[in-house]
PDB file of N, CA and C in Angstrom:
ATOM      1  N   MET A   1       8.519   0.771  12.274  1.00  0.00           N
ATOM      2  CA  MET A   1       9.123   0.556  10.970  1.00  0.00           C
ATOM      3  C   MET A   1       8.897   1.771  10.088  1.00  0.00           C
ATOM      4  N   ASN A   2       9.935   2.187   9.395  1.00  0.00           N
ATOM      5  CA  ASN A   2       9.803   3.283   8.438  1.00  0.00           C
ATOM      6  C   ASN A   2       9.280   2.741   7.119  1.00  0.00           C
ATOM      7  N   THR A   3       8.195   3.331   6.654  1.00  0.00           N
ATOM      8  CA  THR A   3       7.619   2.927   5.381  1.00  0.00           C
ATOM      9  C   THR A   3       8.369   3.620   4.257  1.00  0.00           C
ATOM     10  N   PRO A   4       8.720   2.884   3.200  1.00  0.00           N
ATOM     11  CA  PRO A   4       9.405   3.519   2.068  1.00  0.00           C
ATOM     12  C   PRO A   4       8.517   4.550   1.376  1.00  0.00           C
ATOM     13  N   GLN A   5       9.130   5.410   0.593  1.00  0.00           N
ATOM     14  CA  GLN A   5       8.417   6.417  -0.204  1.00  0.00           C
ATOM     15  C   GLN A   5       7.684   5.715  -1.345  1.00  0.00           C
ATOM     16  N   ILE A   6       6.450   6.134  -1.630  1.00  0.00           N
ATOM     17  CA  ILE A   6       5.716   5.554  -2.758  1.00  0.00           C
ATOM     18  C   ILE A   6       6.335   6.039  -4.068  1.00  0.00           C
ATOM     19  N   THR A   7       6.181   5.225  -5.114  1.00  0.00           N
ATOM     20  CA  THR A   7       6.732   5.596  -6.415  1.00  0.00           C
ATOM     21  C   THR A   7       5.912   6.693  -7.077  1.00  0.00           C
ATOM     22  N   SER A   8       4.598   6.659  -6.875  1.00  0.00           N
ATOM     23  CA  SER A   8       3.733   7.717  -7.409  1.00  0.00           C
ATOM     24  C   SER A   8       2.349   7.627  -6.780  1.00  0.00           C
ATOM     25  N   ILE A   9       1.687   8.754  -6.753  1.00  0.00           N
ATOM     26  CA  ILE A   9       0.319   8.797  -6.233  1.00  0.00           C
ATOM     27  C   ILE A   9      -0.586   7.919  -7.092  1.00  0.00           C
ATOM     28  N   ASP A  10      -0.424   8.006  -8.422  1.00  0.00           N
ATOM     29  CA  ASP A  10      -1.261   7.211  -9.317  1.00  0.00           C
ATOM     30  C   ASP A  10      -1.084   5.717  -9.069  1.00  0.00           C
ATOM     31  N   ASN A  11       0.164   5.270  -8.906  1.00  0.00           N
ATOM     32  CA  ASN A  11       0.400   3.849  -8.621  1.00  0.00           C
ATOM     33  C   ASN A  11      -0.290   3.433  -7.331  1.00  0.00           C
ATOM     34  N   ALA A  12      -0.159   4.252  -6.298  1.00  0.00           N
ATOM     35  CA  ALA A  12      -0.761   3.927  -5.005  1.00  0.00           C
ATOM     36  C   ALA A  12      -2.281   3.816  -5.122  1.00  0.00           C
ATOM     37  N   LEU A  13      -2.904   4.769  -5.773  1.00  0.00           N
ATOM     38  CA  LEU A  13      -4.366   4.748  -5.910  1.00  0.00           C
ATOM     39  C   LEU A  13      -4.826   3.592  -6.789  1.00  0.00           C
ATOM     40  N   ARG A  14      -4.096   3.316  -7.865  1.00  0.00           N
ATOM     41  CA  ARG A  14      -4.456   2.199  -8.748  1.00  0.00           C
ATOM     42  C   ARG A  14      -4.407   0.879  -7.979  1.00  0.00           C
ATOM     43  N   ILE A  15      -3.368   0.685  -7.207  1.00  0.00           N
ATOM     44  CA  ILE A  15      -3.241  -0.550  -6.422  1.00  0.00           C
ATOM     45  C   ILE A  15      -4.353  -0.631  -5.382  1.00  0.00           C
ATOM     46  N   TYR A  16      -4.606   0.470  -4.690  1.00  0.00           N
ATOM     47  CA  TYR A  16      -5.624   0.477  -3.644  1.00  0.00           C
ATOM     48  C   TYR A  16      -7.000   0.102  -4.206  1.00  0.00           C
ATOM     49  N   TYR A  17      -7.340   0.673  -5.347  1.00  0.00           N
ATOM     50  CA  TYR A  17      -8.679   0.459  -5.885  1.00  0.00           C
ATOM     51  C   TYR A  17      -8.830  -0.779  -6.754  1.00  0.00           C
ATOM     52  N   THR A  18      -7.717  -1.411  -7.167  1.00  0.00           N
ATOM     53  CA  THR A  18      -7.856  -2.588  -8.029  1.00  0.00           C
ATOM     54  C   THR A  18      -7.527  -3.911  -7.347  1.00  0.00           C
ATOM     55  N   HIS A  19      -6.927  -3.885  -6.165  1.00  0.00           N
ATOM     56  CA  HIS A  19      -6.538  -5.126  -5.497  1.00  0.00           C
ATOM     57  C   HIS A  19      -7.080  -5.169  -4.068  1.00  0.00           C
ATOM     58  N   SER A  20      -7.844  -6.214  -3.766  1.00  0.00           N
ATOM     59  CA  SER A  20      -8.314  -6.371  -2.388  1.00  0.00           C
ATOM     60  C   SER A  20      -7.190  -6.905  -1.499  1.00  0.00           C
ATOM     61  N   GLU A  21      -6.237  -7.613  -2.123  1.00  0.00           N
ATOM     62  CA  GLU A  21      -5.046  -8.094  -1.417  1.00  0.00           C
ATOM     63  C   GLU A  21      -3.824  -7.823  -2.285  1.00  0.00           C
ATOM     64  N   ILE A  22      -2.695  -7.575  -1.622  1.00  0.00           N
ATOM     65  CA  ILE A  22      -1.476  -7.297  -2.362  1.00  0.00           C
ATOM     66  C   ILE A  22      -0.330  -8.178  -1.873  1.00  0.00           C
ATOM     67  N   GLY A  23       0.574  -8.461  -2.794  1.00  0.00           N
ATOM     68  CA  GLY A  23       1.767  -9.246  -2.496  1.00  0.00           C
ATOM     69  C   GLY A  23       2.998  -8.478  -2.968  1.00  0.00           C
ATOM     70  N   ASN A  24       4.100  -9.189  -3.122  1.00  0.00           N
ATOM     71  CA  ASN A  24       5.369  -8.551  -3.485  1.00  0.00           C
ATOM     72  C   ASN A  24       5.301  -7.777  -4.796  1.00  0.00           C
ATOM     73  N   LYS A  25       4.580  -8.292  -5.775  1.00  0.00           N
ATOM     74  CA  LYS A  25       4.475  -7.614  -7.074  1.00  0.00           C
ATOM     75  C   LYS A  25       3.871  -6.226  -6.909  1.00  0.00           C
ATOM     76  N   GLU A  26       2.756  -6.149  -6.191  1.00  0.00           N
ATOM     77  CA  GLU A  26       2.088  -4.857  -5.998  1.00  0.00           C
ATOM     78  C   GLU A  26       2.908  -3.950  -5.073  1.00  0.00           C
ATOM     79  N   ILE A  27       3.553  -4.540  -4.076  1.00  0.00           N
ATOM     80  CA  ILE A  27       4.385  -3.750  -3.163  1.00  0.00           C
ATOM     81  C   ILE A  27       5.567  -3.149  -3.922  1.00  0.00           C
ATOM     82  N   THR A  28       6.118  -3.894  -4.879  1.00  0.00           N
ATOM     83  CA  THR A  28       7.193  -3.363  -5.716  1.00  0.00           C
ATOM     84  C   THR A  28       6.692  -2.196  -6.554  1.00  0.00           C
ATOM     85  N   THR A  29       5.515  -2.322  -7.127  1.00  0.00           N
ATOM     86  CA  THR A  29       4.934  -1.227  -7.901  1.00  0.00           C
ATOM     87  C   THR A  29       4.696  -0.022  -7.009  1.00  0.00           C
ATOM     88  N   LEU A  30       4.279  -0.269  -5.790  1.00  0.00           N
ATOM     89  CA  LEU A  30       3.969   0.800  -4.838  1.00  0.00           C
ATOM     90  C   LEU A  30       5.213   1.534  -4.354  1.00  0.00           C
ATOM     91  N   PHE A  31       6.254   0.785  -3.985  1.00  0.00           N
ATOM     92  CA  PHE A  31       7.440   1.379  -3.353  1.00  0.00           C
ATOM     93  C   PHE A  31       8.731   1.268  -4.161  1.00  0.00           C
ATOM     94  N   GLY A  32       8.738   0.504  -5.240  1.00  0.00           N
ATOM     95  CA  GLY A  32       9.980   0.233  -5.960  1.00  0.00           C
ATOM     96  C   GLY A  32      10.608  -1.042  -5.420  1.00  0.00           C
ATOM     97  N   ARG A  33      11.752  -1.416  -5.984  1.00  0.00           N
ATOM     98  CA  ARG A  33      12.417  -2.656  -5.553  1.00  0.00           C
ATOM     99  C   ARG A  33      12.910  -2.518  -4.124  1.00  0.00           C
ATOM    100  N   LEU A  34      12.651  -3.558  -3.343  1.00  0.00           N
ATOM    101  CA  LEU A  34      13.024  -3.581  -1.933  1.00  0.00           C
ATOM    102  C   LEU A  34      13.764  -4.873  -1.618  1.00  0.00           C
ATOM    103  N   SER A  35      14.409  -4.900  -0.482  1.00  0.00           N
ATOM    104  CA  SER A  35      15.053  -6.145  -0.047  1.00  0.00           C
ATOM    105  C   SER A  35      13.972  -7.127   0.409  1.00  0.00           C
ATOM    106  N   SER A  36      14.306  -8.397   0.385  1.00  0.00           N
ATOM    107  CA  SER A  36      13.343  -9.407   0.831  1.00  0.00           C
ATOM    108  C   SER A  36      12.980  -9.194   2.296  1.00  0.00           C
ATOM    109  N   ALA A  37      13.920  -8.689   3.090  1.00  0.00           N
ATOM    110  CA  ALA A  37      13.648  -8.410   4.503  1.00  0.00           C
ATOM    111  C   ALA A  37      12.613  -7.291   4.641  1.00  0.00           C
ATOM    112  N   THR A  38      12.688  -6.296   3.776  1.00  0.00           N
ATOM    113  CA  THR A  38      11.726  -5.190   3.844  1.00  0.00           C
ATOM    114  C   THR A  38      10.336  -5.650   3.438  1.00  0.00           C
ATOM    115  N   TYR A  39      10.259  -6.483   2.374  1.00  0.00           N
ATOM    116  CA  TYR A  39       8.954  -7.057   2.011  1.00  0.00           C
ATOM    117  C   TYR A  39       8.366  -7.796   3.204  1.00  0.00           C
ATOM    118  N   ALA A  40       9.182  -8.594   3.834  1.00  0.00           N
ATOM    119  CA  ALA A  40       8.724  -9.401   4.968  1.00  0.00           C
ATOM    120  C   ALA A  40       8.242  -8.513   6.116  1.00  0.00           C
ATOM    121  N   LYS A  41       8.982  -7.452   6.426  1.00  0.00           N
ATOM    122  CA  LYS A  41       8.587  -6.547   7.519  1.00  0.00           C
ATOM    123  C   LYS A  41       7.280  -5.831   7.199  1.00  0.00           C
ATOM    124  N   LEU A  42       7.146  -5.368   5.966  1.00  0.00           N
ATOM    125  CA  LEU A  42       5.911  -4.687   5.578  1.00  0.00           C
ATOM    126  C   LEU A  42       4.716  -5.625   5.708  1.00  0.00           C
ATOM    127  N   LYS A  43       4.854  -6.823   5.158  1.00  0.00           N
ATOM    128  CA  LYS A  43       3.734  -7.768   5.209  1.00  0.00           C
ATOM    129  C   LYS A  43       3.461  -8.237   6.632  1.00  0.00           C
ATOM    130  N   LYS A  44       4.512  -8.410   7.430  1.00  0.00           N
ATOM    131  CA  LYS A  44       4.318  -8.839   8.818  1.00  0.00           C
ATOM    132  C   LYS A  44       3.520  -7.796   9.595  1.00  0.00           C
ATOM    133  N   SER A  45       3.842  -6.532   9.417  1.00  0.00           N
ATOM    134  CA  SER A  45       3.111  -5.478  10.138  1.00  0.00           C
ATOM    135  C   SER A  45       1.645  -5.458   9.725  1.00  0.00           C
ATOM    136  N   ALA A  46       1.371  -5.667   8.435  1.00  0.00           N
ATOM    137  CA  ALA A  46      -0.013  -5.707   7.964  1.00  0.00           C
ATOM    138  C   ALA A  46      -0.734  -6.951   8.487  1.00  0.00           C
ATOM    139  N   LYS A  47      -0.057  -8.096   8.467  1.00  0.00           N
ATOM    140  CA  LYS A  47      -0.685  -9.340   8.948  1.00  0.00           C
ATOM    141  C   LYS A  47      -0.997  -9.271  10.443  1.00  0.00           C
ATOM    142  N   GLU A  48      -0.142  -8.628  11.217  1.00  0.00           N
ATOM    143  CA  GLU A  48      -0.414  -8.463  12.653  1.00  0.00           C
ATOM    144  C   GLU A  48      -1.689  -7.656  12.865  1.00  0.00           C
ATOM    145  N   GLU A  49      -1.855  -6.597  12.097  1.00  0.00           N
ATOM    146  CA  GLU A  49      -3.072  -5.785  12.223  1.00  0.00           C
ATOM    147  C   GLU A  49      -4.288  -6.546  11.711  1.00  0.00           C
ATOM    148  N   MET A  50      -4.125  -7.307  10.639  1.00  0.00           N
ATOM    149  CA  MET A  50      -5.225  -8.130  10.136  1.00  0.00           C
ATOM    150  C   MET A  50      -5.681  -9.109  11.205  1.00  0.00           C
ATOM    151  N   SER A  51      -4.741  -9.694  11.908  1.00  0.00           N
ATOM    152  CA  SER A  51      -5.068 -10.639  12.976  1.00  0.00           C
ATOM    153  C   SER A  51      -5.870  -9.945  14.080  1.00  0.00           C
ATOM    154  N   LYS A  52      -5.459  -8.744  14.462  1.00  0.00           N
ATOM    155  CA  LYS A  52      -6.179  -7.982  15.495  1.00  0.00           C
ATOM    156  C   LYS A  52      -7.612  -7.688  15.064  1.00  0.00           C
ATOM    157  N   ARG A  53      -7.801  -7.474  13.757  1.00  0.00           N
ATOM    158  CA  ARG A  53      -9.128  -7.134  13.231  1.00  0.00           C
ATOM    159  C   ARG A  53      -9.908  -8.357  12.766  1.00  0.00           C
ATOM    160  N   ASP A  54      -9.339  -9.549  12.966  1.00  0.00           N
ATOM    161  CA  ASP A  54      -9.957 -10.798  12.509  1.00  0.00           C
ATOM    162  C   ASP A  54     -10.250 -10.783  11.010  1.00  0.00           C
ATOM    163  N   ILE A  55      -9.298 -10.303  10.225  1.00  0.00           N
ATOM    164  CA  ILE A  55      -9.416 -10.286   8.771  1.00  0.00           C
ATOM    165  C   ILE A  55      -8.517 -11.382   8.222  1.00  0.00           C
ATOM    166  N   LEU A  56      -9.115 -12.279   7.467  1.00  0.00           N
ATOM    167  CA  LEU A  56      -8.371 -13.389   6.877  1.00  0.00           C
ATOM    168  C   LEU A  56      -7.833 -13.001   5.506  1.00  0.00           C
ATOM    169  N   SER A  57      -6.783 -13.680   5.094  1.00  0.00           N
ATOM    170  CA  SER A  57      -6.186 -13.462   3.788  1.00  0.00           C
ATOM    171  C   SER A  57      -6.516 -14.645   2.896  1.00  0.00           C
ATOM    172  N   TYR A  58      -6.803 -14.376   1.633  1.00  0.00           N
ATOM    173  CA  TYR A  58      -7.085 -15.439   0.679  1.00  0.00           C
ATOM    174  C   TYR A  58      -5.802 -16.011   0.113  1.00  0.00           C
ATOM    175  N   GLY A  59      -4.783 -15.176   0.016  1.00  0.00           N
ATOM    176  CA  GLY A  59      -3.496 -15.623  -0.493  1.00  0.00           C
ATOM    177  C   GLY A  59      -2.489 -15.736   0.640  1.00  0.00           C
ATOM    178  N   LEU A  60      -1.760 -16.819   0.673  1.00  0.00           N
ATOM    179  CA  LEU A  60      -0.812 -17.071   1.749  1.00  0.00           C
ATOM    180  C   LEU A  60       0.229 -15.955   1.877  1.00  0.00           C
ATOM    181  N   ASN A  61       0.702 -15.458   0.751  1.00  0.00           N
ATOM    182  CA  ASN A  61       1.749 -14.437   0.756  1.00  0.00           C
ATOM    183  C   ASN A  61       1.214 -13.042   0.470  1.00  0.00           C
ATOM    184  N   LYS A  62      -0.057 -12.839   0.722  1.00  0.00           N
ATOM    185  CA  LYS A  62      -0.677 -11.543   0.447  1.00  0.00           C
ATOM    186  C   LYS A  62      -1.268 -10.954   1.719  1.00  0.00           C
ATOM    187  N   VAL A  63      -1.500  -9.648   1.679  1.00  0.00           N
ATOM    188  CA  VAL A  63      -2.113  -8.946   2.805  1.00  0.00           C
ATOM    189  C   VAL A  63      -3.285  -8.110   2.298  1.00  0.00           C
ATOM    190  N   ASN A  64      -4.225  -7.853   3.178  1.00  0.00           N
ATOM    191  CA  ASN A  64      -5.380  -7.023   2.853  1.00  0.00           C
ATOM    192  C   ASN A  64      -4.901  -5.614   2.514  1.00  0.00           C
ATOM    193  N   THR A  65      -5.331  -5.098   1.381  1.00  0.00           N
ATOM    194  CA  THR A  65      -4.843  -3.809   0.887  1.00  0.00           C
ATOM    195  C   THR A  65      -5.204  -2.656   1.814  1.00  0.00           C
ATOM    196  N   SER A  66      -6.449  -2.558   2.229  1.00  0.00           N
ATOM    197  CA  SER A  66      -6.846  -1.415   3.051  1.00  0.00           C
ATOM    198  C   SER A  66      -6.152  -1.439   4.409  1.00  0.00           C
ATOM    199  N   VAL A  67      -5.972  -2.620   4.984  1.00  0.00           N
ATOM    200  CA  VAL A  67      -5.260  -2.731   6.259  1.00  0.00           C
ATOM    201  C   VAL A  67      -3.790  -2.346   6.059  1.00  0.00           C
ATOM    202  N   ALA A  68      -3.172  -2.862   4.996  1.00  0.00           N
ATOM    203  CA  ALA A  68      -1.770  -2.561   4.730  1.00  0.00           C
ATOM    204  C   ALA A  68      -1.558  -1.057   4.558  1.00  0.00           C
ATOM    205  N   PHE A  69      -2.403  -0.409   3.779  1.00  0.00           N
ATOM    206  CA  PHE A  69      -2.252   1.037   3.574  1.00  0.00           C
ATOM    207  C   PHE A  69      -2.370   1.775   4.902  1.00  0.00           C
ATOM    208  N   ALA A  70      -3.310   1.373   5.732  1.00  0.00           N
ATOM    209  CA  ALA A  70      -3.485   2.029   7.029  1.00  0.00           C
ATOM    210  C   ALA A  70      -2.252   1.842   7.907  1.00  0.00           C
ATOM    211  N   VAL A  71      -1.763   0.607   7.985  1.00  0.00           N
ATOM    212  CA  VAL A  71      -0.597   0.299   8.816  1.00  0.00           C
ATOM    213  C   VAL A  71       0.641   1.033   8.303  1.00  0.00           C
ATOM    214  N   TRP A  72       0.764   1.137   6.996  1.00  0.00           N
ATOM    215  CA  TRP A  72       1.941   1.774   6.399  1.00  0.00           C
ATOM    216  C   TRP A  72       1.818   3.296   6.335  1.00  0.00           C
ATOM    217  N   GLY A  73       0.713   3.835   6.831  1.00  0.00           N
ATOM    218  CA  GLY A  73       0.545   5.284   6.880  1.00  0.00           C
ATOM    219  C   GLY A  73       0.194   5.924   5.550  1.00  0.00           C
ATOM    220  N   LEU A  74      -0.385   5.150   4.648  1.00  0.00           N
ATOM    221  CA  LEU A  74      -0.785   5.690   3.350  1.00  0.00           C
ATOM    222  C   LEU A  74      -2.259   6.089   3.424  1.00  0.00           C
ATOM    223  N   ASP A  75      -2.502   7.373   3.468  1.00  0.00           N
ATOM    224  CA  ASP A  75      -3.842   7.938   3.609  1.00  0.00           C
ATOM    225  C   ASP A  75      -4.435   8.151   2.218  1.00  0.00           C
ATOM    226  N   VAL A  76      -5.383   7.308   1.836  1.00  0.00           N
ATOM    227  CA  VAL A  76      -5.954   7.355   0.498  1.00  0.00           C
ATOM    228  C   VAL A  76      -6.659   8.684   0.243  1.00  0.00           C
ATOM    229  N   ALA A  77      -7.393   9.196   1.212  1.00  0.00           N
ATOM    230  CA  ALA A  77      -8.079  10.481   1.029  1.00  0.00           C
ATOM    231  C   ALA A  77      -7.067  11.596   0.764  1.00  0.00           C
ATOM    232  N   ASP A  78      -5.957  11.594   1.479  1.00  0.00           N
ATOM    233  CA  ASP A  78      -4.916  12.596   1.265  1.00  0.00           C
ATOM    234  C   ASP A  78      -4.281  12.428  -0.119  1.00  0.00           C
ATOM    235  N   LEU A  79      -4.029  11.192  -0.531  1.00  0.00           N
ATOM    236  CA  LEU A  79      -3.466  10.959  -1.858  1.00  0.00           C
ATOM    237  C   LEU A  79      -4.408  11.450  -2.953  1.00  0.00           C
ATOM    238  N   GLU A  80      -5.709  11.207  -2.776  1.00  0.00           N
ATOM    239  CA  GLU A  80      -6.694  11.674  -3.752  1.00  0.00           C
ATOM    240  C   GLU A  80      -6.716  13.204  -3.817  1.00  0.00           C
ATOM    241  N   LYS A  81      -6.640  13.843  -2.660  1.00  0.00           N
ATOM    242  CA  LYS A  81      -6.624  15.308  -2.597  1.00  0.00           C
ATOM    243  C   LYS A  81      -5.378  15.859  -3.309  1.00  0.00           C
ATOM    244  N   ARG A  82      -4.246  15.241  -3.065  1.00  0.00           N
ATOM    245  CA  ARG A  82      -2.998  15.687  -3.702  1.00  0.00           C
ATOM    246  C   ARG A  82      -3.047  15.489  -5.215  1.00  0.00           C
ATOM    247  N   ARG A  83      -3.603  14.359  -5.645  1.00  0.00           N
ATOM    248  CA  ARG A  83      -3.716  14.095  -7.085  1.00  0.00           C
ATOM    249  C   ARG A  83      -4.623  15.121  -7.741  1.00  0.00           C
ATOM    250  N   LYS A  84      -5.747  15.431  -7.094  1.00  0.00           N
ATOM    251  CA  LYS A  84      -6.672  16.440  -7.629  1.00  0.00           C
ATOM    252  C   LYS A  84      -5.980  17.802  -7.733  1.00  0.00           C
ATOM    253  N   LYS A  85      -5.230  18.173  -6.713  1.00  0.00           N
ATOM    254  CA  LYS A  85      -4.532  19.462  -6.720  1.00  0.00           C
ATOM    255  C   LYS A  85      -3.512  19.525  -7.858  1.00  0.00           C
ATOM    256  N   LEU A  86      -2.785  18.439  -8.064  1.00  0.00           N
ATOM    257  CA  LEU A  86      -1.832  18.393  -9.159  1.00  0.00           C
ATOM    258  C   LEU A  86      -2.520  18.582 -10.507  1.00  0.00           C
ATOM    259  N   LYS A  87      -3.671  17.943 -10.675  1.00  0.00           N
ATOM    260  CA  LYS A  87      -4.436  18.090 -11.914  1.00  0.00           C
ATOM    261  C   LYS A  87      -4.946  19.519 -12.065  1.00  0.00           C
ATOM    262  N   ASP A  88      -5.456  20.095 -10.970  1.00  0.00           N
ATOM    263  CA  ASP A  88      -5.945  21.477 -11.007  1.00  0.00           C
ATOM    264  C   ASP A  88      -4.858  22.459 -11.402  1.00  0.00           C
ATOM    265  N   LEU A  89      -3.628  22.172 -10.994  1.00  0.00           N
ATOM    266  CA  LEU A  89      -2.487  23.049 -11.311  1.00  0.00           C
ATOM    267  C   LEU A  89      -1.817  22.667 -12.632  1.00  0.00           C
ATOM    268  N   ASN A  90      -2.419  21.721 -13.337  1.00  0.00           N
ATOM    269  CA  ASN A  90      -1.851  21.212 -14.602  1.00  0.00           C
ATOM    270  C   ASN A  90      -0.424  20.707 -14.429  1.00  0.00           C
ATOM    271  N   LEU A  91      -0.154  20.078 -13.308  1.00  0.00           N
ATOM    272  CA  LEU A  91       1.152  19.511 -13.036  1.00  0.00           C
ATOM    273  C   LEU A  91       1.168  18.002 -13.230  1.00  0.00           C
ATOM    274  N   GLN A  92       0.040  17.466 -13.637  1.00  0.00           N
ATOM    275  CA  GLN A  92      -0.028  16.026 -13.866  1.00  0.00           C
ATOM    276  C   GLN A  92      -0.721  15.745 -15.156  1.00  0.00           C
TER     277      GLN A  92
END
């Protein structure tokens, strides 16, 4: 599955560090408005990995944030590095 482009590095980091689980609201903030099928595919891929890792979800329609970011290819360390570089260059 192709992961959509994030809306911003700041949004991605804020979601990662403030939510242990995410649902459609946070996914919309992360990627922008998506089709219901895309929400379902994103969450399904995260839930499959959660199952492999024996990680339970507290919310029926939510997924573990750290697992979801990993499955979707969102590297938090890389995002932090990019954000720091933008600040160093006064571009943010």
